[in-house]
Each structure stands twice: as structure tokens, then as C-alpha cells.
N, C-alpha and C. Protein backbone atom coordinates (compact mmCIF):
# COMPACT_ATOMS: atom_id res chain seq x y z
N UNK A 1 -27.28 -3.54 0.41
CA UNK A 1 -25.93 -3.96 0.17
C UNK A 1 -25.52 -3.17 -1.11
N UNK A 2 -24.24 -2.83 -1.07
CA UNK A 2 -23.66 -2.10 -2.21
C UNK A 2 -23.33 -2.97 -3.40
N UNK A 3 -24.03 -2.75 -4.64
CA UNK A 3 -23.66 -3.46 -5.79
C UNK A 3 -22.93 -2.54 -6.65
N UNK A 4 -21.63 -3.07 -6.96
CA UNK A 4 -20.66 -2.30 -7.61
C UNK A 4 -21.15 -2.07 -9.10
N UNK A 5 -20.93 -0.85 -9.68
CA UNK A 5 -21.34 -0.68 -11.26
C UNK A 5 -19.87 -1.19 -11.89
N UNK A 6 -20.08 -2.26 -12.66
CA UNK A 6 -19.06 -2.85 -13.40
C UNK A 6 -18.87 -1.99 -14.60
N UNK A 7 -17.65 -1.47 -15.02
CA UNK A 7 -17.31 -0.77 -16.08
C UNK A 7 -16.52 -1.78 -17.05
N UNK A 8 -17.04 -1.91 -18.25
CA UNK A 8 -16.43 -2.84 -19.32
C UNK A 8 -15.24 -2.06 -19.97
N UNK A 9 -14.18 -2.74 -20.28
CA UNK A 9 -13.02 -2.13 -20.87
C UNK A 9 -12.33 -1.06 -20.07
N UNK A 10 -12.24 -1.38 -18.80
CA UNK A 10 -11.50 -0.38 -17.89
C UNK A 10 -9.99 -0.89 -17.87
N UNK A 11 -9.11 -0.01 -18.40
CA UNK A 11 -7.72 -0.36 -18.39
C UNK A 11 -7.16 -0.65 -16.88
N UNK A 12 -6.45 -1.91 -16.77
CA UNK A 12 -6.09 -2.21 -15.46
C UNK A 12 -4.69 -1.60 -15.26
N UNK A 13 -4.30 -1.27 -14.04
CA UNK A 13 -2.97 -0.92 -13.65
C UNK A 13 -2.44 -1.85 -12.67
N UNK A 14 -1.93 -2.99 -13.12
CA UNK A 14 -1.55 -4.10 -12.21
C UNK A 14 0.01 -3.91 -12.06
N UNK A 15 0.25 -3.72 -10.63
CA UNK A 15 1.58 -3.74 -10.18
C UNK A 15 1.96 -5.01 -9.36
N UNK A 16 1.18 -5.40 -8.65
CA UNK A 16 1.37 -6.59 -7.90
C UNK A 16 0.90 -7.84 -8.77
N UNK A 17 -0.40 -7.80 -9.22
CA UNK A 17 -0.95 -8.79 -10.03
C UNK A 17 -2.37 -8.42 -10.55
N UNK A 18 -2.75 -9.00 -11.54
CA UNK A 18 -4.15 -8.82 -12.29
C UNK A 18 -5.23 -9.29 -11.18
N UNK A 19 -4.92 -10.22 -10.37
CA UNK A 19 -6.02 -10.74 -9.47
C UNK A 19 -6.53 -9.59 -8.51
N UNK A 20 -5.68 -8.67 -8.33
CA UNK A 20 -5.93 -7.53 -7.35
C UNK A 20 -6.50 -6.37 -8.00
N UNK A 21 -7.00 -6.38 -9.28
CA UNK A 21 -7.53 -5.25 -10.08
C UNK A 21 -8.97 -5.70 -10.31
N UNK A 22 -9.98 -4.84 -9.87
CA UNK A 22 -11.38 -5.06 -10.33
C UNK A 22 -11.81 -3.89 -11.25
N UNK A 23 -12.73 -4.12 -11.98
CA UNK A 23 -13.37 -3.15 -12.93
C UNK A 23 -14.27 -2.25 -12.37
N UNK A 24 -14.42 -2.17 -11.03
CA UNK A 24 -15.26 -1.19 -10.45
C UNK A 24 -14.59 -0.56 -9.11
N UNK A 25 -15.22 0.39 -8.57
CA UNK A 25 -14.75 1.00 -7.47
C UNK A 25 -14.86 0.14 -6.21
N UNK A 26 -13.72 0.11 -5.62
CA UNK A 26 -13.67 -0.83 -4.24
C UNK A 26 -13.23 -0.05 -3.14
N UNK A 27 -14.18 -0.26 -2.10
CA UNK A 27 -13.91 0.24 -0.71
C UNK A 27 -13.34 -0.78 0.19
N UNK A 28 -12.40 -0.49 0.83
CA UNK A 28 -11.67 -1.41 1.76
C UNK A 28 -11.54 -0.97 3.15
N UNK A 29 -11.67 -1.90 4.08
CA UNK A 29 -11.43 -1.55 5.51
C UNK A 29 -10.00 -2.07 5.93
N UNK A 30 -9.16 -1.34 6.43
CA UNK A 30 -7.72 -1.75 6.83
C UNK A 30 -7.63 -1.50 8.34
N UNK A 31 -7.38 -2.83 8.93
CA UNK A 31 -7.19 -2.74 10.47
C UNK A 31 -5.69 -3.06 10.78
N UNK A 32 -5.17 -2.23 11.57
CA UNK A 32 -3.66 -2.51 12.02
C UNK A 32 -3.59 -2.64 13.43
N UNK A 33 -2.93 -3.75 13.88
CA UNK A 33 -2.66 -3.81 15.24
C UNK A 33 -1.11 -4.13 15.46
N UNK A 34 -0.64 -3.72 16.59
CA UNK A 34 0.81 -3.84 16.87
C UNK A 34 0.81 -4.43 18.25
N UNK A 35 1.41 -5.82 18.25
CA UNK A 35 1.69 -6.42 19.55
C UNK A 35 3.12 -6.22 20.08
N UNK A 36 3.54 -7.00 21.03
CA UNK A 36 4.91 -6.70 21.53
C UNK A 36 5.91 -6.99 20.78
N UNK A 37 5.69 -8.12 19.72
CA UNK A 37 6.65 -8.43 18.88
C UNK A 37 6.34 -8.43 17.32
N UNK A 38 5.07 -8.16 16.89
CA UNK A 38 4.73 -8.15 15.52
C UNK A 38 3.76 -7.08 15.34
N UNK A 39 3.55 -6.74 13.98
CA UNK A 39 2.62 -5.89 13.55
C UNK A 39 1.80 -6.70 12.53
N UNK A 40 0.43 -6.47 12.55
CA UNK A 40 -0.47 -7.34 11.85
C UNK A 40 -1.46 -6.37 11.34
N UNK A 41 -1.80 -6.63 10.05
CA UNK A 41 -2.71 -5.76 9.26
C UNK A 41 -3.72 -6.56 8.54
N UNK A 42 -4.95 -6.42 8.71
CA UNK A 42 -5.99 -7.26 7.86
C UNK A 42 -6.83 -6.19 6.97
N UNK A 43 -6.98 -6.72 5.76
CA UNK A 43 -7.79 -5.83 4.78
C UNK A 43 -9.12 -6.64 4.31
N UNK A 44 -10.19 -5.99 4.63
CA UNK A 44 -11.58 -6.49 4.29
C UNK A 44 -12.21 -5.72 3.16
N UNK A 45 -13.10 -6.40 2.46
CA UNK A 45 -13.74 -5.69 1.46
C UNK A 45 -15.24 -5.32 2.11
N UNK A 46 -16.09 -4.81 1.38
CA UNK A 46 -17.26 -3.99 1.94
C UNK A 46 -18.27 -5.19 2.61
N UNK A 47 -18.12 -6.29 2.18
CA UNK A 47 -18.84 -7.49 2.90
C UNK A 47 -18.15 -8.15 4.12
N UNK A 48 -17.07 -7.75 4.38
CA UNK A 48 -16.32 -8.20 5.56
C UNK A 48 -15.51 -9.49 5.31
N UNK A 49 -15.23 -9.69 3.92
CA UNK A 49 -14.45 -10.72 3.61
C UNK A 49 -12.94 -10.47 3.67
N UNK A 50 -12.13 -11.21 4.21
CA UNK A 50 -10.62 -11.02 4.24
C UNK A 50 -10.13 -11.10 2.93
N UNK A 51 -9.43 -9.99 2.52
CA UNK A 51 -8.80 -10.09 1.15
C UNK A 51 -7.33 -10.31 1.32
N UNK A 52 -6.47 -9.61 2.08
CA UNK A 52 -5.05 -9.83 2.30
C UNK A 52 -4.93 -9.47 3.69
N UNK A 53 -3.64 -10.05 4.23
CA UNK A 53 -3.16 -9.62 5.44
C UNK A 53 -1.75 -9.56 5.49
N UNK A 54 -1.08 -8.65 6.32
CA UNK A 54 0.32 -8.24 6.28
C UNK A 54 0.82 -8.61 7.69
N UNK A 55 1.89 -9.28 7.75
CA UNK A 55 2.50 -9.62 8.99
C UNK A 55 4.11 -9.25 8.95
N UNK A 56 4.48 -8.70 10.05
CA UNK A 56 5.96 -8.30 10.15
C UNK A 56 6.28 -8.02 11.47
N UNK A 57 7.72 -8.22 11.66
CA UNK A 57 8.18 -8.10 13.07
C UNK A 57 8.20 -6.61 13.49
N UNK A 58 7.93 -6.37 14.76
CA UNK A 58 7.90 -5.08 15.34
C UNK A 58 9.41 -4.46 15.46
N UNK A 59 10.29 -5.31 15.90
CA UNK A 59 11.67 -5.02 16.22
C UNK A 59 12.56 -5.33 15.26
N UNK A 60 12.25 -5.59 14.07
CA UNK A 60 13.25 -6.01 13.13
C UNK A 60 13.92 -4.78 12.49
N UNK A 61 15.32 -4.82 12.29
CA UNK A 61 15.94 -3.79 11.84
C UNK A 61 15.66 -3.43 10.40
N UNK A 62 15.48 -4.52 9.44
CA UNK A 62 15.00 -4.07 8.10
C UNK A 62 13.81 -3.83 7.87
N UNK A 63 12.86 -3.96 8.96
CA UNK A 63 11.34 -3.58 8.79
C UNK A 63 10.86 -4.57 7.65
N UNK A 64 10.87 -5.71 7.69
CA UNK A 64 10.29 -6.67 6.77
C UNK A 64 8.90 -6.96 6.96
N UNK A 65 8.05 -6.69 5.90
CA UNK A 65 6.68 -6.82 6.04
C UNK A 65 6.16 -7.84 4.87
N UNK A 66 5.39 -8.88 5.20
CA UNK A 66 5.07 -9.74 4.12
C UNK A 66 3.56 -9.71 4.04
N UNK A 67 3.14 -9.58 2.88
CA UNK A 67 1.52 -9.65 2.45
C UNK A 67 1.23 -10.94 2.01
N UNK A 68 0.13 -11.54 2.77
CA UNK A 68 -0.38 -12.78 2.38
C UNK A 68 -1.85 -12.70 1.68
N UNK A 69 -2.23 -13.65 0.83
CA UNK A 69 -3.69 -13.60 0.30
C UNK A 69 -4.51 -14.23 1.38
N UNK A 70 -5.79 -14.43 1.17
CA UNK A 70 -6.71 -14.88 2.14
C UNK A 70 -6.47 -16.56 2.42
N UNK A 71 -5.76 -17.14 1.48
CA UNK A 71 -5.28 -18.54 1.76
C UNK A 71 -4.07 -18.76 2.55
N UNK A 72 -3.30 -17.69 2.85
CA UNK A 72 -1.91 -17.61 3.41
C UNK A 72 -0.86 -17.85 2.60
N UNK A 73 -1.01 -17.73 1.29
CA UNK A 73 0.10 -17.76 0.33
C UNK A 73 0.85 -16.36 0.36
N UNK A 74 2.15 -16.10 0.28
CA UNK A 74 2.72 -14.85 0.25
C UNK A 74 2.62 -14.31 -1.15
N UNK A 75 2.34 -12.98 -1.04
CA UNK A 75 2.06 -12.14 -2.26
C UNK A 75 3.49 -11.27 -2.62
N UNK A 76 3.67 -10.53 -1.68
CA UNK A 76 4.81 -9.64 -1.77
C UNK A 76 5.42 -9.54 -0.40
N UNK A 77 6.67 -9.01 -0.41
CA UNK A 77 7.55 -8.69 0.70
C UNK A 77 8.07 -7.22 0.54
N UNK A 78 7.97 -6.47 1.50
CA UNK A 78 8.39 -5.09 1.59
C UNK A 78 9.40 -4.90 2.66
N UNK A 79 10.59 -4.40 2.31
CA UNK A 79 11.75 -4.29 3.13
C UNK A 79 12.27 -2.71 3.09
N UNK A 80 12.61 -2.34 4.24
CA UNK A 80 13.22 -1.04 4.28
C UNK A 80 14.61 -1.26 3.86
N UNK A 81 15.20 -0.58 2.86
CA UNK A 81 16.50 -0.69 2.24
C UNK A 81 17.40 0.30 3.01
N UNK A 82 16.77 1.56 3.08
CA UNK A 82 17.61 2.61 3.62
C UNK A 82 16.45 3.38 4.53
N UNK A 83 16.92 4.35 5.24
CA UNK A 83 15.91 5.12 6.15
C UNK A 83 14.77 5.63 5.32
N UNK A 84 14.95 6.16 4.24
CA UNK A 84 13.81 6.76 3.47
C UNK A 84 13.49 5.97 2.22
N UNK A 85 13.86 4.71 1.99
CA UNK A 85 13.67 3.90 0.91
C UNK A 85 13.17 2.50 1.37
N UNK A 86 12.17 1.96 0.52
CA UNK A 86 11.63 0.66 0.70
C UNK A 86 11.74 -0.07 -0.68
N UNK A 87 12.01 -1.18 -0.61
CA UNK A 87 11.82 -2.15 -2.00
C UNK A 87 10.77 -3.09 -1.72
N UNK A 88 10.12 -3.51 -2.83
CA UNK A 88 9.03 -4.42 -2.77
C UNK A 88 9.22 -5.46 -3.81
N UNK A 89 9.22 -6.75 -3.43
CA UNK A 89 9.48 -7.82 -4.34
C UNK A 89 8.20 -8.84 -4.26
N UNK A 90 8.06 -9.52 -5.31
CA UNK A 90 6.85 -10.51 -5.23
C UNK A 90 7.35 -11.71 -4.55
N UNK A 91 6.33 -12.40 -3.83
CA UNK A 91 6.82 -13.55 -3.15
C UNK A 91 7.51 -13.19 -1.77
N UNK A 92 8.28 -14.12 -1.19
CA UNK A 92 8.82 -13.90 0.11
C UNK A 92 10.41 -13.70 -0.08
N UNK A 93 11.01 -14.19 -1.18
CA UNK A 93 12.41 -13.94 -1.35
C UNK A 93 12.89 -12.65 -2.13
N UNK A 94 13.75 -11.81 -1.65
CA UNK A 94 14.16 -10.62 -2.39
C UNK A 94 15.11 -11.03 -3.43
N UNK A 95 14.95 -10.67 -4.71
CA UNK A 95 15.85 -11.03 -5.69
C UNK A 95 15.62 -9.94 -6.67
N UNK A 96 16.62 -9.36 -7.49
CA UNK A 96 16.50 -8.50 -8.58
C UNK A 96 15.38 -8.91 -9.51
N UNK A 97 15.32 -10.29 -9.80
CA UNK A 97 14.38 -10.72 -10.90
C UNK A 97 12.96 -10.58 -10.39
N UNK A 98 12.62 -10.51 -9.13
CA UNK A 98 11.24 -10.43 -8.80
C UNK A 98 10.97 -9.06 -8.06
N UNK A 99 11.88 -8.12 -8.40
CA UNK A 99 11.49 -6.77 -7.75
C UNK A 99 10.42 -5.99 -8.56
N UNK A 100 9.46 -5.50 -7.91
CA UNK A 100 8.25 -4.96 -8.38
C UNK A 100 8.27 -3.46 -8.47
N UNK A 101 8.71 -2.81 -7.32
CA UNK A 101 8.77 -1.32 -7.27
C UNK A 101 9.75 -0.96 -6.08
N UNK A 102 10.03 0.37 -6.21
CA UNK A 102 10.73 1.00 -5.08
C UNK A 102 10.06 2.23 -4.78
N UNK A 103 10.00 2.49 -3.38
CA UNK A 103 9.35 3.67 -2.83
C UNK A 103 10.39 4.57 -2.08
N UNK A 104 10.44 5.85 -2.37
CA UNK A 104 11.37 6.74 -1.88
C UNK A 104 10.56 7.89 -1.15
N UNK A 105 11.13 8.54 -0.22
CA UNK A 105 10.65 9.76 0.45
C UNK A 105 11.50 10.79 -0.10
N UNK A 106 11.02 11.84 -0.77
CA UNK A 106 11.83 12.91 -1.29
C UNK A 106 12.60 13.57 -0.09
N UNK A 107 13.84 14.02 -0.21
CA UNK A 107 14.63 14.49 0.76
C UNK A 107 14.41 16.01 1.14
N UNK A 108 13.97 16.75 0.16
CA UNK A 108 13.77 18.16 0.15
C UNK A 108 12.48 18.58 1.13
N UNK A 109 12.42 19.67 1.79
CA UNK A 109 11.33 20.07 2.63
C UNK A 109 10.00 20.15 1.70
N UNK A 110 9.03 19.64 2.14
CA UNK A 110 7.69 19.67 1.49
C UNK A 110 6.63 20.10 2.42
N UNK A 111 5.64 20.66 1.68
CA UNK A 111 4.57 21.12 2.54
C UNK A 111 3.58 20.02 2.86
N UNK A 112 3.68 19.05 2.33
CA UNK A 112 2.87 17.88 2.49
C UNK A 112 3.71 16.52 2.43
N UNK A 113 3.41 15.49 3.04
CA UNK A 113 4.06 14.31 3.12
C UNK A 113 4.03 13.54 1.80
N UNK A 114 5.19 13.30 1.20
CA UNK A 114 5.18 12.67 -0.08
C UNK A 114 6.07 11.48 -0.23
N UNK A 115 5.69 10.56 -1.02
CA UNK A 115 6.46 9.45 -1.40
C UNK A 115 6.41 9.37 -3.00
N UNK A 116 7.47 8.83 -3.57
CA UNK A 116 7.67 8.55 -5.04
C UNK A 116 7.89 7.14 -5.30
N UNK A 117 7.06 6.60 -6.12
CA UNK A 117 7.22 5.20 -6.54
C UNK A 117 7.54 5.02 -7.91
N UNK A 118 8.66 4.07 -7.97
CA UNK A 118 9.23 3.77 -9.24
C UNK A 118 9.06 2.29 -9.54
N UNK A 119 8.42 1.96 -10.57
CA UNK A 119 8.12 0.54 -10.84
C UNK A 119 9.60 -0.05 -11.42
N UNK A 120 9.71 -1.37 -11.34
CA UNK A 120 10.99 -2.01 -11.79
C UNK A 120 11.30 -1.73 -13.29
N UNK A 121 10.39 -1.55 -14.07
CA UNK A 121 10.72 -1.39 -15.56
C UNK A 121 11.14 0.16 -15.80
N UNK A 122 11.04 1.07 -14.85
CA UNK A 122 11.51 2.45 -14.89
C UNK A 122 12.95 2.51 -14.66
N UNK A 123 13.73 2.00 -15.54
CA UNK A 123 15.21 1.95 -15.33
C UNK A 123 15.89 3.27 -15.13
N UNK A 124 15.51 4.37 -15.83
CA UNK A 124 16.08 5.54 -15.73
C UNK A 124 15.78 6.31 -14.48
N UNK A 125 14.60 6.11 -13.94
CA UNK A 125 14.01 6.81 -12.76
C UNK A 125 14.20 8.25 -12.71
N UNK A 126 13.80 8.75 -14.17
CA UNK A 126 13.65 10.27 -14.18
C UNK A 126 12.37 10.66 -13.63
N UNK A 127 11.27 10.32 -14.09
CA UNK A 127 10.05 10.74 -13.28
C UNK A 127 9.37 9.49 -12.68
N UNK A 128 8.88 9.66 -11.51
CA UNK A 128 8.31 8.68 -10.84
C UNK A 128 6.95 8.15 -11.39
N UNK A 129 6.61 6.82 -11.23
CA UNK A 129 5.53 6.31 -11.80
C UNK A 129 4.12 6.62 -11.22
N UNK A 130 4.32 6.82 -9.80
CA UNK A 130 3.24 7.04 -9.03
C UNK A 130 3.74 8.01 -7.84
N UNK A 131 2.78 8.77 -7.13
CA UNK A 131 3.11 9.58 -6.09
C UNK A 131 2.04 9.47 -5.10
N UNK A 132 2.50 9.49 -3.83
CA UNK A 132 1.67 9.58 -2.69
C UNK A 132 1.80 10.98 -2.03
N UNK A 133 0.65 11.58 -1.89
CA UNK A 133 0.63 12.90 -1.16
C UNK A 133 -0.28 12.87 -0.05
N UNK A 134 0.20 13.16 1.06
CA UNK A 134 -0.68 13.03 2.32
C UNK A 134 -0.57 14.28 3.33
N UNK A 135 -1.21 14.01 4.33
CA UNK A 135 -1.40 15.09 5.40
C UNK A 135 -0.34 15.09 6.39
N UNK A 136 0.07 16.14 7.17
CA UNK A 136 0.99 16.10 8.18
C UNK A 136 0.26 15.92 9.36
N UNK A 137 -1.20 16.06 9.47
CA UNK A 137 -1.84 15.94 10.67
C UNK A 137 -2.44 14.57 10.94
N UNK A 138 -2.64 13.83 9.91
CA UNK A 138 -3.02 12.28 10.02
C UNK A 138 -2.44 11.42 8.91
N UNK A 139 -2.84 10.28 8.95
CA UNK A 139 -2.24 9.40 8.19
C UNK A 139 -3.04 9.18 6.74
N UNK A 140 -3.81 10.05 6.26
CA UNK A 140 -4.68 10.15 5.16
C UNK A 140 -3.84 10.70 3.93
N UNK A 141 -4.12 9.96 2.84
CA UNK A 141 -3.29 10.41 1.64
C UNK A 141 -4.13 9.94 0.30
N UNK A 142 -3.44 10.43 -0.75
CA UNK A 142 -4.14 10.19 -2.18
C UNK A 142 -2.80 9.68 -2.94
N UNK A 143 -3.15 8.67 -3.90
CA UNK A 143 -2.18 8.08 -4.80
C UNK A 143 -2.46 8.62 -6.20
N UNK A 144 -1.48 9.19 -6.71
CA UNK A 144 -1.55 9.72 -8.17
C UNK A 144 -0.73 8.84 -9.10
N UNK A 145 -1.23 8.75 -10.26
CA UNK A 145 -0.54 8.13 -11.38
C UNK A 145 -0.59 9.40 -12.42
N UNK A 146 0.59 10.05 -12.45
CA UNK A 146 0.66 11.27 -13.22
C UNK A 146 -0.19 12.43 -12.54
N UNK A 147 -1.14 13.03 -13.01
CA UNK A 147 -1.84 14.02 -12.38
C UNK A 147 -3.26 13.45 -11.88
N UNK A 148 -3.55 12.11 -12.16
CA UNK A 148 -4.92 11.50 -11.96
C UNK A 148 -4.89 10.74 -10.53
N UNK A 149 -5.88 10.91 -9.69
CA UNK A 149 -6.03 10.24 -8.37
C UNK A 149 -6.56 8.87 -8.71
N UNK A 150 -5.82 7.81 -8.24
CA UNK A 150 -6.10 6.36 -8.52
C UNK A 150 -6.69 5.78 -7.26
N UNK A 151 -6.28 6.33 -6.10
CA UNK A 151 -6.86 5.70 -4.77
C UNK A 151 -6.79 6.87 -3.63
N UNK A 152 -7.52 6.65 -2.71
CA UNK A 152 -7.64 7.62 -1.65
C UNK A 152 -7.73 6.71 -0.32
N UNK A 153 -6.84 7.09 0.75
CA UNK A 153 -6.83 6.51 2.02
C UNK A 153 -7.08 7.47 3.08
N UNK A 154 -8.13 7.09 3.93
CA UNK A 154 -8.63 7.94 5.12
C UNK A 154 -8.29 7.30 6.36
N UNK A 155 -7.56 8.06 7.26
CA UNK A 155 -7.44 7.61 8.60
C UNK A 155 -8.68 7.61 9.30
N UNK A 156 -9.27 6.49 9.73
CA UNK A 156 -10.43 6.46 10.30
C UNK A 156 -10.62 6.11 11.82
N UNK A 157 -9.25 6.20 12.47
CA UNK A 157 -9.20 6.03 13.79
C UNK A 157 -9.88 6.78 14.77
N UNK A 158 -10.72 6.29 15.55
CA UNK A 158 -11.46 7.29 16.49
C UNK A 158 -10.54 7.99 17.59
N UNK A 159 -9.72 6.86 18.13
CA UNK A 159 -8.85 7.39 19.35
C UNK A 159 -7.50 6.94 18.74
N UNK A 160 -6.64 7.90 19.06
CA UNK A 160 -5.15 7.50 18.75
C UNK A 160 -4.49 6.85 19.94
N UNK A 161 -4.53 5.46 19.63
CA UNK A 161 -3.89 4.76 20.76
C UNK A 161 -2.77 3.81 20.16
N UNK A 162 -1.69 3.63 20.89
CA UNK A 162 -0.50 2.98 20.53
C UNK A 162 -0.96 1.46 20.13
N UNK A 163 -0.61 1.18 18.85
CA UNK A 163 -0.77 -0.19 18.41
C UNK A 163 -1.94 -0.59 17.65
N UNK A 164 -2.85 0.45 17.45
CA UNK A 164 -4.05 0.18 16.70
C UNK A 164 -4.26 1.35 15.72
N UNK A 165 -4.86 0.97 14.64
CA UNK A 165 -5.29 1.96 13.60
C UNK A 165 -6.26 1.36 12.65
N UNK A 166 -7.14 2.26 12.14
CA UNK A 166 -7.95 1.73 11.11
C UNK A 166 -8.08 2.76 10.05
N UNK A 167 -8.41 2.46 8.81
CA UNK A 167 -8.28 3.16 7.65
C UNK A 167 -9.35 2.72 6.61
N UNK A 168 -9.96 3.59 5.87
CA UNK A 168 -10.80 3.37 4.72
C UNK A 168 -9.98 3.70 3.46
N UNK A 169 -9.99 2.68 2.59
CA UNK A 169 -9.25 2.80 1.36
C UNK A 169 -10.29 2.69 -0.04
N UNK A 170 -10.31 3.79 -0.64
CA UNK A 170 -11.09 3.80 -2.02
C UNK A 170 -10.19 3.62 -3.20
N UNK A 171 -10.33 2.35 -3.82
CA UNK A 171 -9.54 2.10 -5.02
C UNK A 171 -10.39 2.27 -6.14
N UNK A 172 -9.82 2.93 -7.16
CA UNK A 172 -10.62 3.33 -8.44
C UNK A 172 -10.68 2.20 -9.31
N UNK A 173 -11.55 2.03 -10.18
CA UNK A 173 -11.58 0.94 -11.20
C UNK A 173 -10.26 0.65 -11.72
N UNK A 174 -9.87 -0.50 -11.83
CA UNK A 174 -8.79 -1.01 -12.69
C UNK A 174 -7.49 -0.88 -11.86
N UNK A 175 -7.48 -0.40 -10.60
CA UNK A 175 -6.25 -0.08 -9.88
C UNK A 175 -5.98 -1.28 -8.97
N UNK A 176 -4.70 -1.74 -8.82
CA UNK A 176 -4.24 -2.78 -8.00
C UNK A 176 -4.32 -2.54 -6.43
N UNK A 177 -5.30 -3.06 -5.89
CA UNK A 177 -5.58 -2.73 -4.32
C UNK A 177 -4.43 -3.20 -3.53
N UNK A 178 -3.75 -4.43 -3.96
CA UNK A 178 -2.71 -4.76 -3.06
C UNK A 178 -1.54 -3.78 -2.98
N UNK A 179 -1.38 -3.25 -4.32
CA UNK A 179 -0.37 -2.11 -4.43
C UNK A 179 -0.58 -0.90 -3.58
N UNK A 180 -1.97 -0.62 -3.39
CA UNK A 180 -2.25 0.57 -2.62
C UNK A 180 -2.29 0.13 -1.11
N UNK A 181 -2.57 -0.96 -0.67
CA UNK A 181 -2.41 -1.38 0.62
C UNK A 181 -0.82 -1.39 1.08
N UNK A 182 0.08 -1.84 0.23
CA UNK A 182 1.52 -1.84 0.38
C UNK A 182 1.82 -0.26 0.56
N UNK A 183 1.43 0.66 -0.19
CA UNK A 183 1.68 1.99 0.10
C UNK A 183 1.20 2.51 1.39
N UNK A 184 0.11 2.11 1.77
CA UNK A 184 -0.46 2.65 3.03
C UNK A 184 0.60 2.12 4.26
N UNK A 185 0.99 1.02 4.14
CA UNK A 185 1.92 0.46 5.15
C UNK A 185 3.24 1.10 5.06
N UNK A 186 3.78 1.43 4.05
CA UNK A 186 5.05 2.11 3.81
C UNK A 186 4.91 3.56 4.29
N UNK A 187 3.75 4.19 3.92
CA UNK A 187 3.71 5.64 4.19
C UNK A 187 3.46 5.70 5.76
N UNK A 188 2.87 4.77 6.33
CA UNK A 188 2.73 4.87 7.99
C UNK A 188 4.16 4.60 8.57
N UNK A 189 4.84 3.79 8.05
CA UNK A 189 6.23 3.38 8.63
C UNK A 189 7.17 4.63 8.50
N UNK A 190 7.21 5.22 7.21
CA UNK A 190 8.16 6.39 6.98
C UNK A 190 7.73 7.60 7.90
N UNK A 191 6.48 7.87 7.79
CA UNK A 191 6.13 9.22 8.32
C UNK A 191 5.55 9.27 9.90
N UNK A 192 5.19 8.15 10.36
CA UNK A 192 4.71 8.06 11.60
C UNK A 192 5.30 7.10 12.69
């Protein structure tokens, strides 16, 4: 069994919440299924314990997705605001007071698939706080804070079948895994 090496005094990058930041490297398994009317995503740690799940309607115009903790309490709600823009709020109700971050797809032609993330405290929106850079051939990507990689997501689906997908996510010490999972969902919604 994997025993994580705990690093003391690791600075945390908490976007969704401190509860989702660990002082060690975390490997997660993400399983996505699409039914006739809903999308369902389950996130497990290395021991198979359910950490979070995301539920959303398949045919909704605004593409609302809600992330719940393992006890069923809502953590965040992701909504498509425009074709290339998503907003993420804490809890279930969107309100300016609980806005956490906004995700944009740059409009210019790119050699790789990209997203730019602006946290709510970045009022000027001059430089993005995080970037997602991914592949055109699969749903794998890396998350950057500045020039530093803080998380990696790999598409581990064996067969490309409609309605199913699996991913392996590696979250670096101190990084908010709920934030990274939300980026995975938004990345796949925008680009695939």
C-alpha cells in the first residue's frame, strides 16, 4: 500500500477549501458516466474511498454541474456562462459573494488546448492565476500556477465509448484537489 511522504510546512493553494489540500502527493481516480439525462463523476483516492462526486443534467442549457462531498453536501457549483466561459461558486447558489473563480478559453488559435483561470480576488484580470494546457488528441492536461506544474491529469480510458471515461489525476502537495477536479470537468465540457 502506498504510504504518502508528508512534507511539513507545505504552502497550501486553497481555492475551493483547505479541506481539499493535503501536504503530500495525491493520486486520484476519476470515473465519468453519462446517462440519458445526467452526467455523473466519482472521484476516489488510492484506497478506493469516494472523495467527491459531481452530478449535472446532460441536456441543461447552462450546463450546471454540482460537486458534492462524500456525505452528500454541496461543495461548489459550476455553470457555463457563455460558450467559452464557466463560473464556479461555493455551495449551490450562484451569487457574486460566493464566486470562487472564472474559467475562460482563449479565443485565439492555439497549438495546444488551453484554459485560463482567474480567482475572484483577481479584479483586474490582467494575468491569469492558473493555466490549463492540454493535448488535442486526448483529454490529458497539466495545471500551471505561473510556470510551475501543480497537477497533471491523464486520460486513462481504454476504449473511447460514448458516456464513459476514466482519468488519473496527480495533485502535488498543498494543491486543492477539488479545484483540479472542477478544471477536469470544465476542460472536457469545453474541448470535447
